[in-house]
């Protein structure tokens, strides 16, 4: 299990942060019909439960937005990933059917409300991730977004640089069809779905759909 350290600047404004950490060996591939049916079922629940303007009031989303504001970032312009997914659902835009690993993470994020960092563990440089604060003009290529302005965002960095924010993960460590080992960080800046249940369900989904083995999980609360 990779070590995670949180910058005091984040702890100062979010002292109750919890991180659900999971590592596993996996097999990635096209999303099967059964997994997609689970995603569609959860999307239906979200569409029935929330109106568009209420999504940012979900506890996990609201907590992440408060952190952004405290760090000087506009969460309306740079939306939390879980919020963006739910907004697509409520607006009737649907979700993209991608690969097993991406869609498992999206499913958990939709249900839990937490922004989740899904990383190819073999592409992480070093043995420690540090969650710090994005700096002005820091180079960061968001997945499918190009250069992303991460100034004022919480950002995970490995020994080489930034690899994940609650808005978008980085191209360098993204899941690909060749990914065989994952590091999944469930970012609970405020509580919604119990984090132990969220971790357990993520592990179950990975076992069922991605042939996951050597699963390790932990909840980190002290940094």
C-alpha atoms as a PDB file:
ATOM      1  CA  UNK A   1       0.000   0.000   0.000  1.00  0.00           C
ATOM      2  CA  UNK A   2       1.419   3.362  -1.018  1.00  0.00           C
ATOM      3  CA  UNK A   3       2.063   5.934   1.698  1.00  0.00           C
ATOM      4  CA  UNK A   4      -0.027   9.135   1.585  1.00  0.00           C
ATOM      5  CA  UNK A   5       0.865  12.425   3.268  1.00  0.00           C
ATOM      6  CA  UNK A   6      -1.431  15.483   3.438  1.00  0.00           C
ATOM      7  CA  UNK A   7      -0.076  19.041   3.387  1.00  0.00           C
ATOM      8  CA  UNK A   8      -0.772  21.077   6.567  1.00  0.00           C
ATOM      9  CA  UNK A   9      -2.453  23.751   4.412  1.00  0.00           C
ATOM     10  CA  UNK A  10      -5.199  21.267   3.559  1.00  0.00           C
ATOM     11  CA  UNK A  11      -5.454  19.934   7.110  1.00  0.00           C
ATOM     12  CA  UNK A  12      -5.844  23.492   8.394  1.00  0.00           C
ATOM     13  CA  UNK A  13      -9.084  23.992   6.441  1.00  0.00           C
ATOM     14  CA  UNK A  14     -10.232  20.353   6.317  1.00  0.00           C
ATOM     15  CA  UNK A  15      -9.126  18.726   9.593  1.00  0.00           C
ATOM     16  CA  UNK A  16     -11.622  15.858   9.325  1.00  0.00           C
ATOM     17  CA  UNK A  17     -10.350  14.578   5.983  1.00  0.00           C
ATOM     18  CA  UNK A  18     -10.426  10.801   5.523  1.00  0.00           C
ATOM     19  CA  UNK A  19      -8.915   8.847   2.653  1.00  0.00           C
ATOM     20  CA  UNK A  20     -10.046   5.382   1.645  1.00  0.00           C
ATOM     21  CA  UNK A  21      -7.078   3.709  -0.024  1.00  0.00           C
ATOM     22  CA  UNK A  22      -7.232   0.556  -2.147  1.00  0.00           C
ATOM     23  CA  UNK A  23      -4.603  -1.290  -4.151  1.00  0.00           C
ATOM     24  CA  UNK A  24      -5.089  -4.431  -6.220  1.00  0.00           C
ATOM     25  CA  UNK A  25      -3.957  -6.448  -9.195  1.00  0.00           C
ATOM     26  CA  UNK A  26      -6.611  -6.300 -11.916  1.00  0.00           C
ATOM     27  CA  UNK A  27      -7.532  -7.109 -15.497  1.00  0.00           C
ATOM     28  CA  UNK A  28      -8.983  -4.186 -17.447  1.00  0.00           C
ATOM     29  CA  UNK A  29     -11.183  -4.431 -20.530  1.00  0.00           C
ATOM     30  CA  UNK A  30     -14.429  -3.321 -22.100  1.00  0.00           C
ATOM     31  CA  UNK A  31     -17.274  -2.662 -19.675  1.00  0.00           C
ATOM     32  CA  UNK A  32     -19.590  -5.673 -19.632  1.00  0.00           C
ATOM     33  CA  UNK A  33     -23.372  -5.413 -19.834  1.00  0.00           C
ATOM     34  CA  UNK A  34     -23.878  -6.374 -16.187  1.00  0.00           C
ATOM     35  CA  UNK A  35     -21.640  -3.578 -14.921  1.00  0.00           C
ATOM     36  CA  UNK A  36     -23.279  -1.109 -17.264  1.00  0.00           C
ATOM     37  CA  UNK A  37     -26.694  -2.131 -15.966  1.00  0.00           C
ATOM     38  CA  UNK A  38     -25.504  -1.371 -12.421  1.00  0.00           C
ATOM     39  CA  UNK A  39     -24.343   2.055 -13.565  1.00  0.00           C
ATOM     40  CA  UNK A  40     -27.635   2.767 -15.316  1.00  0.00           C
ATOM     41  CA  UNK A  41     -29.589   1.680 -12.231  1.00  0.00           C
ATOM     42  CA  UNK A  42     -27.577   4.012  -9.996  1.00  0.00           C
ATOM     43  CA  UNK A  43     -27.919   6.833 -12.533  1.00  0.00           C
ATOM     44  CA  UNK A  44     -31.694   6.395 -12.438  1.00  0.00           C
ATOM     45  CA  UNK A  45     -31.654   6.762  -8.636  1.00  0.00           C
ATOM     46  CA  UNK A  46     -29.616   9.960  -8.900  1.00  0.00           C
ATOM     47  CA  UNK A  47     -31.942  11.406 -11.548  1.00  0.00           C
ATOM     48  CA  UNK A  48     -34.955  10.661  -9.369  1.00  0.00           C
ATOM     49  CA  UNK A  49     -33.403  11.987  -6.162  1.00  0.00           C
ATOM     50  CA  UNK A  50     -31.745  15.247  -7.220  1.00  0.00           C
ATOM     51  CA  UNK A  51     -32.617  18.356  -9.130  1.00  0.00           C
ATOM     52  CA  UNK A  52     -29.722  20.046 -10.890  1.00  0.00           C
ATOM     53  CA  UNK A  53     -29.199  22.817  -8.349  1.00  0.00           C
ATOM     54  CA  UNK A  54     -29.320  20.361  -5.434  1.00  0.00           C
ATOM     55  CA  UNK A  55     -26.364  18.230  -6.532  1.00  0.00           C
ATOM     56  CA  UNK A  56     -23.800  20.580  -5.032  1.00  0.00           C
ATOM     57  CA  UNK A  57     -25.587  20.159  -1.696  1.00  0.00           C
ATOM     58  CA  UNK A  58     -24.728  16.458  -1.477  1.00  0.00           C
ATOM     59  CA  UNK A  59     -22.578  16.219   1.669  1.00  0.00           C
ATOM     60  CA  UNK A  60     -19.448  14.845  -0.031  1.00  0.00           C
ATOM     61  CA  UNK A  61     -19.727  17.292  -2.930  1.00  0.00           C
ATOM     62  CA  UNK A  62     -20.441  20.258  -0.660  1.00  0.00           C
ATOM     63  CA  UNK A  63     -17.438  19.426   1.525  1.00  0.00           C
ATOM     64  CA  UNK A  64     -15.130  19.301  -1.489  1.00  0.00           C
ATOM     65  CA  UNK A  65     -16.527  22.584  -2.793  1.00  0.00           C
ATOM     66  CA  UNK A  66     -15.888  24.194   0.607  1.00  0.00           C
ATOM     67  CA  UNK A  67     -12.278  23.009   0.445  1.00  0.00           C
ATOM     68  CA  UNK A  68     -11.861  24.500  -3.019  1.00  0.00           C
ATOM     69  CA  UNK A  69     -13.215  27.848  -1.813  1.00  0.00           C
ATOM     70  CA  UNK A  70     -10.952  27.789   1.247  1.00  0.00           C
ATOM     71  CA  UNK A  71      -7.940  27.237  -1.012  1.00  0.00           C
ATOM     72  CA  UNK A  72      -9.007  30.008  -3.384  1.00  0.00           C
ATOM     73  CA  UNK A  73     -10.469  27.893  -6.218  1.00  0.00           C
ATOM     74  CA  UNK A  74     -13.876  28.480  -7.812  1.00  0.00           C
ATOM     75  CA  UNK A  75     -15.775  25.146  -7.590  1.00  0.00           C
ATOM     76  CA  UNK A  76     -18.401  26.427 -10.009  1.00  0.00           C
ATOM     77  CA  UNK A  77     -15.809  26.816 -12.749  1.00  0.00           C
ATOM     78  CA  UNK A  78     -13.732  23.766 -11.835  1.00  0.00           C
ATOM     79  CA  UNK A  79     -16.338  21.221 -10.818  1.00  0.00           C
ATOM     80  CA  UNK A  80     -15.716  18.280  -8.536  1.00  0.00           C
ATOM     81  CA  UNK A  81     -15.714  15.109 -10.653  1.00  0.00           C
ATOM     82  CA  UNK A  82     -18.527  13.401  -8.726  1.00  0.00           C
ATOM     83  CA  UNK A  83     -20.630  16.544  -9.086  1.00  0.00           C
ATOM     84  CA  UNK A  84     -19.934  16.714 -12.819  1.00  0.00           C
ATOM     85  CA  UNK A  85     -20.994  13.083 -13.289  1.00  0.00           C
ATOM     86  CA  UNK A  86     -24.254  13.617 -11.439  1.00  0.00           C
ATOM     87  CA  UNK A  87     -24.966  16.825 -13.329  1.00  0.00           C
ATOM     88  CA  UNK A  88     -24.656  14.939 -16.621  1.00  0.00           C
ATOM     89  CA  UNK A  89     -27.144  12.387 -15.361  1.00  0.00           C
ATOM     90  CA  UNK A  90     -29.687  14.921 -14.122  1.00  0.00           C
ATOM     91  CA  UNK A  91     -29.375  16.948 -17.328  1.00  0.00           C
ATOM     92  CA  UNK A  92     -30.161  13.808 -19.336  1.00  0.00           C
ATOM     93  CA  UNK A  93     -26.806  13.796 -21.124  1.00  0.00           C
ATOM     94  CA  UNK A  94     -25.974  10.236 -20.115  1.00  0.00           C
ATOM     95  CA  UNK A  95     -22.589   8.754 -19.250  1.00  0.00           C
ATOM     96  CA  UNK A  96     -19.832   7.469 -21.481  1.00  0.00           C
ATOM     97  CA  UNK A  97     -19.297   3.700 -21.491  1.00  0.00           C
ATOM     98  CA  UNK A  98     -15.544   3.389 -21.189  1.00  0.00           C
ATOM     99  CA  UNK A  99     -13.484   0.572 -19.636  1.00  0.00           C
ATOM    100  CA  UNK A 100     -14.122  -1.627 -16.628  1.00  0.00           C
ATOM    101  CA  UNK A 101     -11.785   0.227 -14.275  1.00  0.00           C
ATOM    102  CA  UNK A 102     -12.988   3.695 -15.233  1.00  0.00           C
ATOM    103  CA  UNK A 103     -16.626   2.690 -14.999  1.00  0.00           C
ATOM    104  CA  UNK A 104     -16.207   0.983 -11.621  1.00  0.00           C
ATOM    105  CA  UNK A 105     -14.687   4.199 -10.247  1.00  0.00           C
ATOM    106  CA  UNK A 106     -17.471   6.257 -11.826  1.00  0.00           C
ATOM    107  CA  UNK A 107     -20.138   3.987 -10.358  1.00  0.00           C
ATOM    108  CA  UNK A 108     -18.710   4.287  -6.855  1.00  0.00           C
ATOM    109  CA  UNK A 109     -18.355   8.045  -7.238  1.00  0.00           C
ATOM    110  CA  UNK A 110     -21.955   8.471  -8.400  1.00  0.00           C
ATOM    111  CA  UNK A 111     -23.329   6.449  -5.490  1.00  0.00           C
ATOM    112  CA  UNK A 112     -21.047   7.766  -2.748  1.00  0.00           C
ATOM    113  CA  UNK A 113     -20.667  11.384  -3.829  1.00  0.00           C
ATOM    114  CA  UNK A 114     -16.901  11.214  -3.281  1.00  0.00           C
ATOM    115  CA  UNK A 115     -14.360  12.357  -5.876  1.00  0.00           C
ATOM    116  CA  UNK A 116     -12.124   9.358  -6.500  1.00  0.00           C
ATOM    117  CA  UNK A 117      -8.582   9.224  -7.845  1.00  0.00           C
ATOM    118  CA  UNK A 118      -8.128   6.121 -10.005  1.00  0.00           C
ATOM    119  CA  UNK A 119      -4.449   5.587 -10.767  1.00  0.00           C
ATOM    120  CA  UNK A 120      -2.331   3.059 -12.631  1.00  0.00           C
ATOM    121  CA  UNK A 121      -0.052   2.077  -9.747  1.00  0.00           C
ATOM    122  CA  UNK A 122       2.793   1.022 -12.040  1.00  0.00           C
ATOM    123  CA  UNK A 123       3.021   4.574 -13.369  1.00  0.00           C
ATOM    124  CA  UNK A 124       3.344   6.197  -9.947  1.00  0.00           C
ATOM    125  CA  UNK A 125       6.924   7.348  -9.319  1.00  0.00           C
ATOM    126  CA  UNK A 126       8.200   6.693  -5.812  1.00  0.00           C
ATOM    127  CA  UNK A 127       6.606   5.157  -2.720  1.00  0.00           C
ATOM    128  CA  UNK A 128       4.741   8.192  -1.374  1.00  0.00           C
ATOM    129  CA  UNK A 129       1.921  10.425  -2.589  1.00  0.00           C
ATOM    130  CA  UNK A 130       1.583  13.889  -1.093  1.00  0.00           C
ATOM    131  CA  UNK A 131      -1.701  15.776  -1.237  1.00  0.00           C
ATOM    132  CA  UNK A 132      -0.751  19.415  -1.501  1.00  0.00           C
ATOM    133  CA  UNK A 133      -2.117  22.579  -3.103  1.00  0.00           C
ATOM    134  CA  UNK A 134      -1.767  23.341  -6.797  1.00  0.00           C
ATOM    135  CA  UNK A 135       0.629  26.157  -7.653  1.00  0.00           C
ATOM    136  CA  UNK A 136       0.345  28.911 -10.252  1.00  0.00           C
ATOM    137  CA  UNK A 137       1.386  27.718 -13.732  1.00  0.00           C
ATOM    138  CA  UNK A 138       2.009  24.181 -12.469  1.00  0.00           C
ATOM    139  CA  UNK A 139       2.044  21.798 -15.427  1.00  0.00           C
ATOM    140  CA  UNK A 140      -0.862  19.373 -15.268  1.00  0.00           C
ATOM    141  CA  UNK A 141      -2.574  17.615 -18.170  1.00  0.00           C
ATOM    142  CA  UNK A 142      -6.091  16.596 -17.149  1.00  0.00           C
ATOM    143  CA  UNK A 143      -7.494  13.471 -18.801  1.00  0.00           C
ATOM    144  CA  UNK A 144      -9.238  14.570 -21.986  1.00  0.00           C
ATOM    145  CA  UNK A 145      -8.937  18.220 -20.925  1.00  0.00           C
ATOM    146  CA  UNK A 146      -5.440  19.293 -21.903  1.00  0.00           C
ATOM    147  CA  UNK A 147      -3.571  21.718 -19.691  1.00  0.00           C
ATOM    148  CA  UNK A 148      -5.625  22.247 -16.521  1.00  0.00           C
ATOM    149  CA  UNK A 149      -5.227  25.207 -14.179  1.00  0.00           C
ATOM    150  CA  UNK A 150      -4.834  23.463 -10.821  1.00  0.00           C
ATOM    151  CA  UNK A 151      -3.778  26.527  -8.830  1.00  0.00           C
ATOM    152  CA  UNK A 152      -5.635  26.337  -5.523  1.00  0.00           C
ATOM    153  CA  UNK A 153      -6.830  22.745  -6.022  1.00  0.00           C
ATOM    154  CA  UNK A 154      -5.952  19.822  -3.762  1.00  0.00           C
ATOM    155  CA  UNK A 155      -3.496  17.768  -5.814  1.00  0.00           C
ATOM    156  CA  UNK A 156      -1.781  14.436  -5.294  1.00  0.00           C
ATOM    157  CA  UNK A 157       1.864  14.503  -6.335  1.00  0.00           C
ATOM    158  CA  UNK A 158       4.294  11.634  -6.756  1.00  0.00           C
ATOM    159  CA  UNK A 159       8.062  12.059  -7.074  1.00  0.00           C
ATOM    160  CA  UNK A 160       7.612  13.420 -10.602  1.00  0.00           C
ATOM    161  CA  UNK A 161       4.669  15.799 -10.184  1.00  0.00           C
ATOM    162  CA  UNK A 162       0.913  16.118 -10.002  1.00  0.00           C
ATOM    163  CA  UNK A 163      -1.193  13.069 -10.847  1.00  0.00           C
ATOM    164  CA  UNK A 164      -4.685  13.610  -9.409  1.00  0.00           C
ATOM    165  CA  UNK A 165      -7.139  16.300  -8.303  1.00  0.00           C
ATOM    166  CA  UNK A 166     -10.825  16.042  -7.313  1.00  0.00           C
ATOM    167  CA  UNK A 167     -11.658  17.624 -10.694  1.00  0.00           C
ATOM    168  CA  UNK A 168      -9.586  15.419 -13.002  1.00  0.00           C
ATOM    169  CA  UNK A 169      -6.802  12.876 -12.836  1.00  0.00           C
ATOM    170  CA  UNK A 170      -3.647  13.384 -14.915  1.00  0.00           C
ATOM    171  CA  UNK A 171      -2.887  11.749 -18.251  1.00  0.00           C
ATOM    172  CA  UNK A 172       0.388  10.244 -17.010  1.00  0.00           C
ATOM    173  CA  UNK A 173      -1.143   7.823 -14.512  1.00  0.00           C
ATOM    174  CA  UNK A 174      -4.560   7.207 -16.088  1.00  0.00           C
ATOM    175  CA  UNK A 175      -6.087   3.741 -16.497  1.00  0.00           C
ATOM    176  CA  UNK A 176      -5.466   2.110 -19.881  1.00  0.00           C
ATOM    177  CA  UNK A 177      -6.441  -1.314 -21.273  1.00  0.00           C
ATOM    178  CA  UNK A 178      -2.947  -2.438 -20.227  1.00  0.00           C
ATOM    179  CA  UNK A 179      -3.348  -1.440 -16.560  1.00  0.00           C
ATOM    180  CA  UNK A 180      -2.709  -4.409 -14.261  1.00  0.00           C
ATOM    181  CA  UNK A 181      -2.316  -2.739 -10.865  1.00  0.00           C
ATOM    182  CA  UNK A 182      -4.465   0.037  -9.420  1.00  0.00           C
ATOM    183  CA  UNK A 183      -4.190   2.599  -6.677  1.00  0.00           C
ATOM    184  CA  UNK A 184      -7.634   4.013  -5.871  1.00  0.00           C
ATOM    185  CA  UNK A 185      -7.970   6.912  -3.441  1.00  0.00           C
ATOM    186  CA  UNK A 186     -11.488   7.742  -2.233  1.00  0.00           C
ATOM    187  CA  UNK A 187     -11.330  11.357  -1.110  1.00  0.00           C
ATOM    188  CA  UNK A 188     -13.696  12.002   1.782  1.00  0.00           C
ATOM    189  CA  UNK A 189     -13.318  15.696   2.576  1.00  0.00           C
ATOM    190  CA  UNK A 190     -16.624  15.347   4.401  1.00  0.00           C
ATOM    191  CA  UNK A 191     -18.746  12.258   5.169  1.00  0.00           C
ATOM    192  CA  UNK A 192     -21.569  10.894   3.040  1.00  0.00           C
ATOM    193  CA  UNK A 193     -21.633   7.138   2.341  1.00  0.00           C
ATOM    194  CA  UNK A 194     -19.755   5.390   5.202  1.00  0.00           C
ATOM    195  CA  UNK A 195     -16.182   5.142   4.007  1.00  0.00           C
ATOM    196  CA  UNK A 196     -15.686   1.540   5.121  1.00  0.00           C
ATOM    197  CA  UNK A 197     -18.755   0.519   3.111  1.00  0.00           C
ATOM    198  CA  UNK A 198     -17.524   2.496   0.111  1.00  0.00           C
ATOM    199  CA  UNK A 199     -14.143   0.765   0.201  1.00  0.00           C
ATOM    200  CA  UNK A 200     -15.688  -2.675   0.656  1.00  0.00           C
ATOM    201  CA  UNK A 201     -18.094  -2.147  -2.235  1.00  0.00           C
ATOM    202  CA  UNK A 202     -15.273  -0.922  -4.479  1.00  0.00           C
ATOM    203  CA  UNK A 203     -13.293  -4.059  -3.702  1.00  0.00           C
ATOM    204  CA  UNK A 204     -16.335  -6.240  -4.435  1.00  0.00           C
ATOM    205  CA  UNK A 205     -16.894  -4.537  -7.791  1.00  0.00           C
ATOM    206  CA  UNK A 206     -13.245  -4.985  -8.741  1.00  0.00           C
ATOM    207  CA  UNK A 207     -13.346  -8.658  -7.814  1.00  0.00           C
ATOM    208  CA  UNK A 208     -16.541  -9.183  -9.804  1.00  0.00           C
ATOM    209  CA  UNK A 209     -15.690  -7.228 -12.930  1.00  0.00           C
ATOM    210  CA  UNK A 210     -11.895  -6.808 -13.029  1.00  0.00           C
ATOM    211  CA  UNK A 211     -10.712 -10.178 -11.617  1.00  0.00           C
ATOM    212  CA  UNK A 212      -9.058  -8.298  -8.759  1.00  0.00           C
ATOM    213  CA  UNK A 213      -6.564 -10.113  -6.534  1.00  0.00           C
ATOM    214  CA  UNK A 214      -4.156  -9.077  -3.774  1.00  0.00           C
ATOM    215  CA  UNK A 215      -6.624  -6.410  -2.644  1.00  0.00           C
ATOM    216  CA  UNK A 216      -5.449  -4.162   0.177  1.00  0.00           C
ATOM    217  CA  UNK A 217      -7.601  -1.469   1.765  1.00  0.00           C
ATOM    218  CA  UNK A 218      -7.164   1.010   4.551  1.00  0.00           C
ATOM    219  CA  UNK A 219      -8.789   4.183   5.841  1.00  0.00           C
ATOM    220  CA  UNK A 220      -6.305   6.887   6.657  1.00  0.00           C
ATOM    221  CA  UNK A 221      -7.289   9.603   9.132  1.00  0.00           C
ATOM    222  CA  UNK A 222      -3.957  10.640  10.683  1.00  0.00           C
ATOM    223  CA  UNK A 223      -1.329  12.369   8.573  1.00  0.00           C
END
